[in-house]
Protein backbone atom coordinates (compact mmCIF):
# COMPACT_ATOMS: atom_id res chain seq x y z
CA LEU A 1 -118.92 -38.27 222.86
CA ALA A 2 -122.01 -36.67 224.23
CA GLY A 3 -121.10 -33.48 222.79
CA ASN A 4 -120.08 -35.24 219.45
CA LEU A 5 -123.77 -36.56 219.27
CA LEU A 6 -125.59 -33.36 220.40
CA SER A 7 -123.49 -31.52 217.69
CA GLY A 8 -124.79 -33.61 214.83
CA ALA A 9 -121.07 -34.44 213.87
CA ARG A 10 -120.84 -37.66 211.91
CA ARG A 11 -117.32 -38.84 213.34
CA VAL A 12 -114.97 -38.46 215.79
CA ALA A 13 -111.15 -38.95 215.47
CA ARG A 14 -110.63 -42.31 216.35
CA HIS A 15 -107.02 -41.73 217.43
CA LEU A 16 -108.16 -39.53 220.05
CA LEU A 17 -110.54 -41.91 221.41
CA ALA A 18 -108.19 -44.58 221.63
CA TRP A 19 -105.96 -42.16 223.43
CA TYR A 20 -108.68 -41.34 225.96
CA CYS A 21 -109.44 -45.13 226.63
CA LEU A 22 -105.81 -45.75 226.73
CA SER A 23 -105.20 -42.89 229.42
CA TRP A 24 -107.80 -44.11 231.47
CA SER A 25 -106.34 -47.37 231.47
CA LEU A 26 -103.02 -45.97 232.41
CA VAL A 27 -104.83 -44.06 235.56
CA GLY A 28 -106.73 -47.12 236.62
CA THR A 29 -103.22 -48.68 236.54
CA GLY A 30 -101.99 -46.30 239.26
CA PHE A 31 -105.42 -46.88 241.10
CA VAL A 32 -104.37 -50.63 241.50
CA ALA A 33 -100.88 -49.77 242.33
CA LEU A 34 -102.13 -47.21 245.30
CA ALA A 35 -104.35 -50.07 246.47
CA LEU A 36 -101.29 -52.20 246.42
CA ALA A 37 -98.78 -49.82 247.65
CA PRO A 38 -96.96 -50.97 250.60
CA SER A 39 -95.23 -47.74 251.82
CA LEU A 40 -95.61 -43.85 251.38
CA THR A 41 -93.02 -43.56 249.11
CA LEU A 42 -94.81 -46.31 246.37
CA ALA A 43 -98.31 -44.69 247.00
CA ALA A 44 -96.96 -41.24 246.27
CA LEU A 45 -95.26 -42.69 243.04
CA ALA A 46 -98.72 -44.39 242.05
CA THR A 47 -100.77 -40.99 242.82
CA ALA A 48 -97.90 -39.29 240.56
CA TRP A 49 -98.47 -41.78 237.75
CA MET A 50 -102.07 -41.14 237.93
CA GLY A 51 -101.36 -37.24 237.81
CA ILE A 52 -99.62 -37.76 234.97
CA PHE A 53 -102.17 -39.62 232.91
CA THR A 54 -105.30 -37.60 234.06
CA PRO A 55 -104.39 -34.63 231.84
CA LEU A 56 -104.13 -36.78 229.01
CA ALA A 57 -107.72 -38.41 229.60
CA ASN A 58 -109.11 -34.42 229.90
CA VAL A 59 -107.40 -33.31 226.59
CA SER A 60 -108.08 -36.48 224.41
CA MET A 61 -111.95 -35.84 225.60
CA ASP A 62 -112.23 -32.11 224.89
CA THR A 63 -110.36 -31.73 221.74
CA PRO A 64 -112.62 -34.09 219.59
CA ILE A 65 -115.32 -31.80 221.08
CA ALA A 66 -113.84 -28.59 220.29
CA ALA A 67 -113.30 -30.09 216.82
CA VAL A 68 -116.82 -31.14 215.90
CA VAL A 69 -118.71 -28.75 217.73
CA PRO A 70 -119.75 -25.38 216.31
CA ALA A 71 -118.27 -22.62 218.24
CA ASP A 72 -121.48 -21.26 219.26
CA ARG A 73 -122.76 -24.32 220.71
CA LEU A 74 -119.23 -25.29 222.80
CA PRO A 75 -120.11 -22.98 225.84
CA ARG A 76 -123.27 -25.27 226.27
CA VAL A 77 -121.75 -28.55 225.30
CA TYR A 78 -118.93 -27.82 227.71
CA ALA A 79 -121.32 -26.89 230.38
CA LEU A 80 -123.23 -30.05 229.93
CA GLN A 81 -120.00 -32.27 229.77
CA ARG A 82 -118.94 -30.30 233.11
CA ALA A 83 -122.07 -30.78 234.88
CA THR A 84 -122.41 -34.77 233.93
CA VAL A 85 -118.53 -34.73 235.30
CA VAL A 86 -119.46 -33.43 238.71
CA GLY A 87 -122.84 -35.02 238.92
CA ALA A 88 -121.05 -38.30 238.57
CA SER A 89 -118.72 -37.47 240.86
CA ALA A 90 -121.09 -36.69 243.95
CA VAL A 91 -122.82 -40.00 243.00
CA GLY A 92 -119.27 -41.55 243.11
CA ALA A 93 -118.44 -39.99 246.23
CA PHE A 94 -121.58 -41.73 248.18
CA ALA A 95 -120.62 -45.34 246.30
CA VAL A 96 -116.88 -44.76 247.50
CA ALA A 97 -117.96 -44.00 251.08
CA ALA A 98 -120.44 -47.04 250.84
CA GLY A 99 -117.79 -49.11 249.58
CA VAL A 100 -115.60 -47.93 252.36
CA ALA A 101 -117.92 -48.89 254.89
CA ALA A 102 -118.43 -52.40 253.52
CA ALA A 103 -114.89 -53.02 252.84
CA SER A 104 -111.90 -50.86 253.17
CA GLY A 105 -110.68 -48.28 251.44
CA SER A 106 -107.83 -50.01 249.72
CA ALA A 107 -110.29 -52.49 248.14
CA VAL A 108 -112.37 -49.82 247.10
CA ILE A 109 -109.61 -47.94 245.74
CA GLY A 110 -107.94 -51.27 243.83
CA ALA A 111 -111.56 -52.25 242.63
CA ALA A 112 -111.97 -48.87 241.05
CA GLY A 113 -108.52 -49.40 239.56
CA LEU A 114 -109.29 -52.67 238.07
CA TRP A 115 -112.70 -51.06 236.48
CA MET A 116 -111.02 -48.27 234.73
CA LEU A 117 -108.46 -50.60 233.50
CA LEU A 118 -110.77 -53.43 232.14
CA ALA A 119 -113.12 -50.59 230.86
CA GLY A 120 -110.49 -48.35 229.11
CA THR A 121 -108.92 -51.65 227.21
CA LEU A 122 -111.94 -52.94 226.17
CA ALA A 123 -113.26 -49.56 224.74
CA ALA A 124 -109.53 -49.16 223.24
CA LEU A 125 -109.86 -52.86 221.79
CA GLY A 126 -113.27 -51.97 220.03
CA LEU A 127 -112.23 -48.99 218.56
CA ARG A 128 -109.63 -51.05 216.93
CA ARG A 129 -111.75 -53.46 216.14
CA ALA A 130 -114.52 -51.30 214.88
CA ALA A 131 -111.60 -49.56 212.24
CA GLY A 132 -111.23 -53.11 210.84
CA GLY A 133 -107.73 -53.21 212.77
CA SER A 134 -106.39 -50.17 210.61
CA ARG A 135 -105.07 -47.18 212.00
CA PRO A 136 -107.81 -44.80 212.90
CA SER A 137 -108.81 -41.82 210.21
CA ARG A 138 -109.05 -38.36 211.13
CA PRO A 139 -112.10 -36.58 211.82
CA ALA A 140 -114.24 -35.33 209.16
CA LEU A 141 -114.96 -31.65 209.36
CA GLY A 142 -117.77 -30.42 207.33
């Protein structure tokens, strides 16, 4: 989304944004399942679930950027995107460590999953409402 704003593009494909939100909700469901898993087998299945849907989130985030950002700006936009993700991951690592110290690993993983599930679902519903409940349009390129 930041890349879209920086490029000056007018619109992004709402269906890709909806998939982005939905995919993070599905990953969040996996986090919750992992936190509640009573066995190693179920924990492995929850992890596999997350592994299936994380690439969908990445593709649905990167595709609109590539569709609206001019080719000569793509390296800079993707570099900014990656730097932001890596920086946020570092902050998240400290937050997780503090959460585990205050509670437990399962509580932190479950809370993160609930947050992802709630945020992704509410964002997808907001996109639907913004579209007037209709099917999202394709991006305007040009």
